[in-house]
Amino acid sequence: MTRLYAEAVKQVGQEQKVHVVDVWTAIDAKAKEAGGLAKYLSDGLHLTAEGYEVVTYGMSTVSLLFLRR
C-alpha cells in the first residue's frame, strides 16, 4: 500500500510540475540492504527513527540543490 501511495504522489507531482522527493525508493533500497522494511517502517506505513533519517537525508539533499540555484 505504501509503495502505491508513493507512486501516486510521484505521478501527481509530475502532472503538476512540482518536485517530489522519492523517499519510498530510498527506504526500499535501504530495506533491501537491511533485510526488510521493519527497520524503517514500524507498521508498514509509519516511519521509525531510521526511516525519518532516510527522509531527512532526502529532503536536505533536495533543499541544498534548490539553495544553490
PDB file of N, CA and C in Angstrom:
ATOM      1  N   MET A   1       0.819  -1.198   0.000  1.00  0.00           N
ATOM      2  CA  MET A   1       0.000   0.000   0.000  1.00  0.00           C
ATOM      3  C   MET A   1       0.863   1.261   0.000  1.00  0.00           C
ATOM      4  N   THR A   2       1.920   1.262   0.811  1.00  0.00           N
ATOM      5  CA  THR A   2       2.783   2.436   0.895  1.00  0.00           C
ATOM      6  C   THR A   2       3.426   2.734  -0.448  1.00  0.00           C
ATOM      7  N   ARG A   3       3.880   1.680  -1.136  1.00  0.00           N
ATOM      8  CA  ARG A   3       4.501   1.852  -2.455  1.00  0.00           C
ATOM      9  C   ARG A   3       3.507   2.456  -3.438  1.00  0.00           C
ATOM     10  N   LEU A   4       2.262   1.978  -3.433  1.00  0.00           N
ATOM     11  CA  LEU A   4       1.238   2.502  -4.344  1.00  0.00           C
ATOM     12  C   LEU A   4       0.967   3.977  -4.079  1.00  0.00           C
ATOM     13  N   TYR A   5       0.897   4.351  -2.809  1.00  0.00           N
ATOM     14  CA  TYR A   5       0.689   5.756  -2.450  1.00  0.00           C
ATOM     15  C   TYR A   5       1.856   6.604  -2.947  1.00  0.00           C
ATOM     16  N   ALA A   6       3.080   6.112  -2.741  1.00  0.00           N
ATOM     17  CA  ALA A   6       4.274   6.850  -3.179  1.00  0.00           C
ATOM     18  C   ALA A   6       4.277   7.037  -4.695  1.00  0.00           C
ATOM     19  N   GLU A   7       3.879   6.009  -5.426  1.00  0.00           N
ATOM     20  CA  GLU A   7       3.817   6.118  -6.883  1.00  0.00           C
ATOM     21  C   GLU A   7       2.768   7.152  -7.307  1.00  0.00           C
ATOM     22  N   ALA A   8       1.637   7.175  -6.618  1.00  0.00           N
ATOM     23  CA  ALA A   8       0.595   8.155  -6.932  1.00  0.00           C
ATOM     24  C   ALA A   8       1.083   9.575  -6.661  1.00  0.00           C
ATOM     25  N   VAL A   9       1.813   9.773  -5.570  1.00  0.00           N
ATOM     26  CA  VAL A   9       2.354  11.100  -5.239  1.00  0.00           C
ATOM     27  C   VAL A   9       3.325  11.546  -6.332  1.00  0.00           C
ATOM     28  N   LYS A  10       4.186  10.641  -6.782  1.00  0.00           N
ATOM     29  CA  LYS A  10       5.131  10.990  -7.845  1.00  0.00           C
ATOM     30  C   LYS A  10       4.394  11.370  -9.125  1.00  0.00           C
ATOM     31  N   GLN A  11       3.330  10.647  -9.439  1.00  0.00           N
ATOM     32  CA  GLN A  11       2.555  10.947 -10.640  1.00  0.00           C
ATOM     33  C   GLN A  11       1.907  12.329 -10.543  1.00  0.00           C
ATOM     34  N   VAL A  12       1.309  12.645  -9.420  1.00  0.00           N
ATOM     35  CA  VAL A  12       0.690  13.960  -9.235  1.00  0.00           C
ATOM     36  C   VAL A  12       1.753  15.053  -9.326  1.00  0.00           C
ATOM     37  N   GLY A  13       2.903  14.821  -8.753  1.00  0.00           N
ATOM     38  CA  GLY A  13       3.995  15.788  -8.838  1.00  0.00           C
ATOM     39  C   GLY A  13       4.392  16.065 -10.276  1.00  0.00           C
ATOM     40  N   GLN A  14       4.487  15.016 -11.074  1.00  0.00           N
ATOM     41  CA  GLN A  14       4.817  15.192 -12.489  1.00  0.00           C
ATOM     42  C   GLN A  14       3.727  15.968 -13.219  1.00  0.00           C
ATOM     43  N   GLU A  15       2.483  15.605 -12.956  1.00  0.00           N
ATOM     44  CA  GLU A  15       1.361  16.285 -13.610  1.00  0.00           C
ATOM     45  C   GLU A  15       1.296  17.763 -13.245  1.00  0.00           C
ATOM     46  N   GLN A  16       1.599  18.069 -11.987  1.00  0.00           N
ATOM     47  CA  GLN A  16       1.522  19.454 -11.511  1.00  0.00           C
ATOM     48  C   GLN A  16       2.842  20.207 -11.683  1.00  0.00           C
ATOM     49  N   LYS A  17       3.848  19.500 -12.204  1.00  0.00           N
ATOM     50  CA  LYS A  17       5.176  20.079 -12.437  1.00  0.00           C
ATOM     51  C   LYS A  17       5.805  20.632 -11.153  1.00  0.00           C
ATOM     52  N   VAL A  18       5.710  19.817 -10.094  1.00  0.00           N
ATOM     53  CA  VAL A  18       6.358  20.152  -8.833  1.00  0.00           C
ATOM     54  C   VAL A  18       7.343  19.038  -8.475  1.00  0.00           C
ATOM     55  N   HIS A  19       8.388  19.400  -7.769  1.00  0.00           N
ATOM     56  CA  HIS A  19       9.390  18.420  -7.363  1.00  0.00           C
ATOM     57  C   HIS A  19       8.851  17.551  -6.234  1.00  0.00           C
ATOM     58  N   VAL A  20       9.182  16.288  -6.308  1.00  0.00           N
ATOM     59  CA  VAL A  20       8.787  15.324  -5.289  1.00  0.00           C
ATOM     60  C   VAL A  20      10.034  14.591  -4.837  1.00  0.00           C
ATOM     61  N   VAL A  21      10.211  14.458  -3.543  1.00  0.00           N
ATOM     62  CA  VAL A  21      11.311  13.674  -3.013  1.00  0.00           C
ATOM     63  C   VAL A  21      10.828  12.228  -2.890  1.00  0.00           C
ATOM     64  N   ASP A  22      11.458  11.349  -3.642  1.00  0.00           N
ATOM     65  CA  ASP A  22      11.048   9.941  -3.689  1.00  0.00           C
ATOM     66  C   ASP A  22      11.687   9.174  -2.542  1.00  0.00           C
ATOM     67  N   VAL A  23      11.130   9.338  -1.357  1.00  0.00           N
ATOM     68  CA  VAL A  23      11.699   8.661  -0.195  1.00  0.00           C
ATOM     69  C   VAL A  23      11.365   7.175  -0.189  1.00  0.00           C
ATOM     70  N   TRP A  24      10.285   6.788  -0.852  1.00  0.00           N
ATOM     71  CA  TRP A  24       9.948   5.362  -0.887  1.00  0.00           C
ATOM     72  C   TRP A  24      11.072   4.560  -1.536  1.00  0.00           C
ATOM     73  N   THR A  25      11.587   5.024  -2.658  1.00  0.00           N
ATOM     74  CA  THR A  25      12.662   4.308  -3.334  1.00  0.00           C
ATOM     75  C   THR A  25      13.894   4.236  -2.441  1.00  0.00           C
ATOM     76  N   ALA A  26      14.200   5.323  -1.738  1.00  0.00           N
ATOM     77  CA  ALA A  26      15.349   5.341  -0.836  1.00  0.00           C
ATOM     78  C   ALA A  26      15.152   4.367   0.328  1.00  0.00           C
ATOM     79  N   ILE A  27      13.969   4.372   0.923  1.00  0.00           N
ATOM     80  CA  ILE A  27      13.695   3.465   2.038  1.00  0.00           C
ATOM     81  C   ILE A  27      13.697   2.014   1.552  1.00  0.00           C
ATOM     82  N   ASP A  28      13.119   1.774   0.397  1.00  0.00           N
ATOM     83  CA  ASP A  28      13.084   0.416  -0.152  1.00  0.00           C
ATOM     84  C   ASP A  28      14.507  -0.103  -0.404  1.00  0.00           C
ATOM     85  N   ALA A  29      15.374   0.744  -0.938  1.00  0.00           N
ATOM     86  CA  ALA A  29      16.760   0.342  -1.185  1.00  0.00           C
ATOM     87  C   ALA A  29      17.473   0.028   0.128  1.00  0.00           C
ATOM     88  N   LYS A  30      17.284   0.887   1.130  1.00  0.00           N
ATOM     89  CA  LYS A  30      17.897   0.646   2.440  1.00  0.00           C
ATOM     90  C   LYS A  30      17.346  -0.639   3.068  1.00  0.00           C
ATOM     91  N   ALA A  31      16.045  -0.872   2.904  1.00  0.00           N
ATOM     92  CA  ALA A  31      15.413  -2.067   3.466  1.00  0.00           C
ATOM     93  C   ALA A  31      15.977  -3.335   2.834  1.00  0.00           C
ATOM     94  N   LYS A  32      16.264  -3.288   1.554  1.00  0.00           N
ATOM     95  CA  LYS A  32      16.842  -4.459   0.897  1.00  0.00           C
ATOM     96  C   LYS A  32      18.217  -4.768   1.469  1.00  0.00           C
ATOM     97  N   GLU A  33      18.984  -3.730   1.799  1.00  0.00           N
ATOM     98  CA  GLU A  33      20.293  -3.916   2.421  1.00  0.00           C
ATOM     99  C   GLU A  33      20.154  -4.458   3.849  1.00  0.00           C
ATOM    100  N   ALA A  34      19.111  -4.011   4.554  1.00  0.00           N
ATOM    101  CA  ALA A  34      18.930  -4.351   5.966  1.00  0.00           C
ATOM    102  C   ALA A  34      18.116  -5.628   6.175  1.00  0.00           C
ATOM    103  N   GLY A  35      17.567  -6.182   5.106  1.00  0.00           N
ATOM    104  CA  GLY A  35      16.804  -7.409   5.250  1.00  0.00           C
ATOM    105  C   GLY A  35      15.319  -7.218   5.494  1.00  0.00           C
ATOM    106  N   GLY A  36      14.793  -6.031   5.253  1.00  0.00           N
ATOM    107  CA  GLY A  36      13.355  -5.824   5.399  1.00  0.00           C
ATOM    108  C   GLY A  36      12.996  -4.415   5.808  1.00  0.00           C
ATOM    109  N   LEU A  37      11.718  -4.112   5.693  1.00  0.00           N
ATOM    110  CA  LEU A  37      11.219  -2.765   5.974  1.00  0.00           C
ATOM    111  C   LEU A  37      11.039  -2.453   7.457  1.00  0.00           C
ATOM    112  N   ALA A  38      11.024  -3.464   8.300  1.00  0.00           N
ATOM    113  CA  ALA A  38      10.712  -3.247   9.722  1.00  0.00           C
ATOM    114  C   ALA A  38      11.637  -2.230  10.383  1.00  0.00           C
ATOM    115  N   LYS A  39      12.865  -2.125   9.924  1.00  0.00           N
ATOM    116  CA  LYS A  39      13.802  -1.162  10.499  1.00  0.00           C
ATOM    117  C   LYS A  39      13.384   0.271  10.176  1.00  0.00           C
ATOM    118  N   TYR A  40      12.658   0.472   9.080  1.00  0.00           N
ATOM    119  CA  TYR A  40      12.322   1.813   8.589  1.00  0.00           C
ATOM    120  C   TYR A  40      10.842   2.166   8.728  1.00  0.00           C
ATOM    121  N   LEU A  41       9.974   1.163   8.775  1.00  0.00           N
ATOM    122  CA  LEU A  41       8.533   1.391   8.929  1.00  0.00           C
ATOM    123  C   LEU A  41       8.034   0.522  10.074  1.00  0.00           C
ATOM    124  N   SER A  42       7.448   1.157  11.071  1.00  0.00           N
ATOM    125  CA  SER A  42       7.034   0.418  12.269  1.00  0.00           C
ATOM    126  C   SER A  42       5.862  -0.525  12.009  1.00  0.00           C
ATOM    127  N   ASP A  43       4.987  -0.138  11.083  1.00  0.00           N
ATOM    128  CA  ASP A  43       3.791  -0.940  10.818  1.00  0.00           C
ATOM    129  C   ASP A  43       3.483  -1.034   9.323  1.00  0.00           C
ATOM    130  N   GLY A  44       4.480  -0.791   8.502  1.00  0.00           N
ATOM    131  CA  GLY A  44       4.279  -0.824   7.057  1.00  0.00           C
ATOM    132  C   GLY A  44       3.919   0.532   6.481  1.00  0.00           C
ATOM    133  N   LEU A  45       3.645   1.502   7.348  1.00  0.00           N
ATOM    134  CA  LEU A  45       3.257   2.836   6.897  1.00  0.00           C
ATOM    135  C   LEU A  45       4.005   3.939   7.655  1.00  0.00           C
ATOM    136  N   HIS A  46       4.033   3.841   8.961  1.00  0.00           N
ATOM    137  CA  HIS A  46       4.617   4.893   9.789  1.00  0.00           C
ATOM    138  C   HIS A  46       6.116   4.669   9.975  1.00  0.00           C
ATOM    139  N   LEU A  47       6.851   5.768   9.875  1.00  0.00           N
ATOM    140  CA  LEU A  47       8.303   5.701   9.927  1.00  0.00           C
ATOM    141  C   LEU A  47       8.836   5.445  11.333  1.00  0.00           C
ATOM    142  N   THR A  48       9.957   4.718  11.382  1.00  0.00           N
ATOM    143  CA  THR A  48      10.732   4.588  12.612  1.00  0.00           C
ATOM    144  C   THR A  48      11.767   5.710  12.610  1.00  0.00           C
ATOM    145  N   ALA A  49      12.583   5.777  13.654  1.00  0.00           N
ATOM    146  CA  ALA A  49      13.651   6.788  13.694  1.00  0.00           C
ATOM    147  C   ALA A  49      14.580   6.635  12.498  1.00  0.00           C
ATOM    148  N   GLU A  50      14.905   5.386  12.135  1.00  0.00           N
ATOM    149  CA  GLU A  50      15.766   5.149  10.981  1.00  0.00           C
ATOM    150  C   GLU A  50      15.086   5.586   9.689  1.00  0.00           C
ATOM    151  N   GLY A  51      13.771   5.394   9.613  1.00  0.00           N
ATOM    152  CA  GLY A  51      13.009   5.841   8.447  1.00  0.00           C
ATOM    153  C   GLY A  51      13.046   7.354   8.311  1.00  0.00           C
ATOM    154  N   TYR A  52      12.908   8.036   9.432  1.00  0.00           N
ATOM    155  CA  TYR A  52      12.983   9.505   9.406  1.00  0.00           C
ATOM    156  C   TYR A  52      14.372   9.994   9.008  1.00  0.00           C
ATOM    157  N   GLU A  53      15.412   9.226   9.348  1.00  0.00           N
ATOM    158  CA  GLU A  53      16.758   9.597   8.912  1.00  0.00           C
ATOM    159  C   GLU A  53      16.860   9.578   7.393  1.00  0.00           C
ATOM    160  N   VAL A  54      16.274   8.566   6.765  1.00  0.00           N
ATOM    161  CA  VAL A  54      16.287   8.477   5.300  1.00  0.00           C
ATOM    162  C   VAL A  54      15.521   9.649   4.696  1.00  0.00           C
ATOM    163  N   VAL A  55      14.351   9.956   5.244  1.00  0.00           N
ATOM    164  CA  VAL A  55      13.545  11.076   4.752  1.00  0.00           C
ATOM    165  C   VAL A  55      14.303  12.393   4.920  1.00  0.00           C
ATOM    166  N   THR A  56      14.899  12.589   6.080  1.00  0.00           N
ATOM    167  CA  THR A  56      15.641  13.827   6.344  1.00  0.00           C
ATOM    168  C   THR A  56      16.792  13.986   5.370  1.00  0.00           C
ATOM    169  N   TYR A  57      17.510  12.914   5.111  1.00  0.00           N
ATOM    170  CA  TYR A  57      18.617  12.977   4.155  1.00  0.00           C
ATOM    171  C   TYR A  57      18.097  13.364   2.767  1.00  0.00           C
ATOM    172  N   GLY A  58      17.020  12.739   2.328  1.00  0.00           N
ATOM    173  CA  GLY A  58      16.455  13.063   1.016  1.00  0.00           C
ATOM    174  C   GLY A  58      15.985  14.493   0.923  1.00  0.00           C
ATOM    175  N   MET A  59      15.306  14.973   1.955  1.00  0.00           N
ATOM    176  CA  MET A  59      14.816  16.351   1.961  1.00  0.00           C
ATOM    177  C   MET A  59      15.971  17.343   1.989  1.00  0.00           C
ATOM    178  N   SER A  60      16.999  17.068   2.790  1.00  0.00           N
ATOM    179  CA  SER A  60      18.113  18.002   2.869  1.00  0.00           C
ATOM    180  C   SER A  60      18.894  18.044   1.562  1.00  0.00           C
ATOM    181  N   THR A  61      19.015  16.906   0.890  1.00  0.00           N
ATOM    182  CA  THR A  61      19.710  16.874  -0.396  1.00  0.00           C
ATOM    183  C   THR A  61      18.986  17.733  -1.426  1.00  0.00           C
ATOM    184  N   VAL A  62      17.685  17.590  -1.507  1.00  0.00           N
ATOM    185  CA  VAL A  62      16.896  18.388  -2.452  1.00  0.00           C
ATOM    186  C   VAL A  62      16.922  19.860  -2.059  1.00  0.00           C
ATOM    187  N   SER A  63      16.820  20.148  -0.772  1.00  0.00           N
ATOM    188  CA  SER A  63      16.850  21.539  -0.314  1.00  0.00           C
ATOM    189  C   SER A  63      18.158  22.217  -0.694  1.00  0.00           C
ATOM    190  N   LEU A  64      19.263  21.510  -0.534  1.00  0.00           N
ATOM    191  CA  LEU A  64      20.560  22.077  -0.899  1.00  0.00           C
ATOM    192  C   LEU A  64      20.646  22.361  -2.397  1.00  0.00           C
ATOM    193  N   LEU A  65      20.071  21.506  -3.202  1.00  0.00           N
ATOM    194  CA  LEU A  65      20.077  21.739  -4.640  1.00  0.00           C
ATOM    195  C   LEU A  65      19.337  23.037  -4.984  1.00  0.00           C
ATOM    196  N   PHE A  66      18.204  23.269  -4.333  1.00  0.00           N
ATOM    197  CA  PHE A  66      17.452  24.498  -4.589  1.00  0.00           C
ATOM    198  C   PHE A  66      18.162  25.732  -4.065  1.00  0.00           C
ATOM    199  N   LEU A  67      18.821  25.611  -2.931  1.00  0.00           N
ATOM    200  CA  LEU A  67      19.534  26.745  -2.356  1.00  0.00           C
ATOM    201  C   LEU A  67      20.727  27.161  -3.193  1.00  0.00           C
ATOM    202  N   ARG A  68      21.306  26.226  -3.901  1.00  0.00           N
ATOM    203  CA  ARG A  68      22.486  26.512  -4.706  1.00  0.00           C
ATOM    204  C   ARG A  68      22.142  27.129  -6.055  1.00  0.00           C
ATOM    205  N   ARG A  69      20.885  27.205  -6.376  1.00  0.00           N
ATOM    206  CA  ARG A  69      20.460  27.791  -7.675  1.00  0.00           C
ATOM    207  C   ARG A  69      20.666  29.267  -7.679  1.00  0.00           C
TER     208      ARG A  69
END
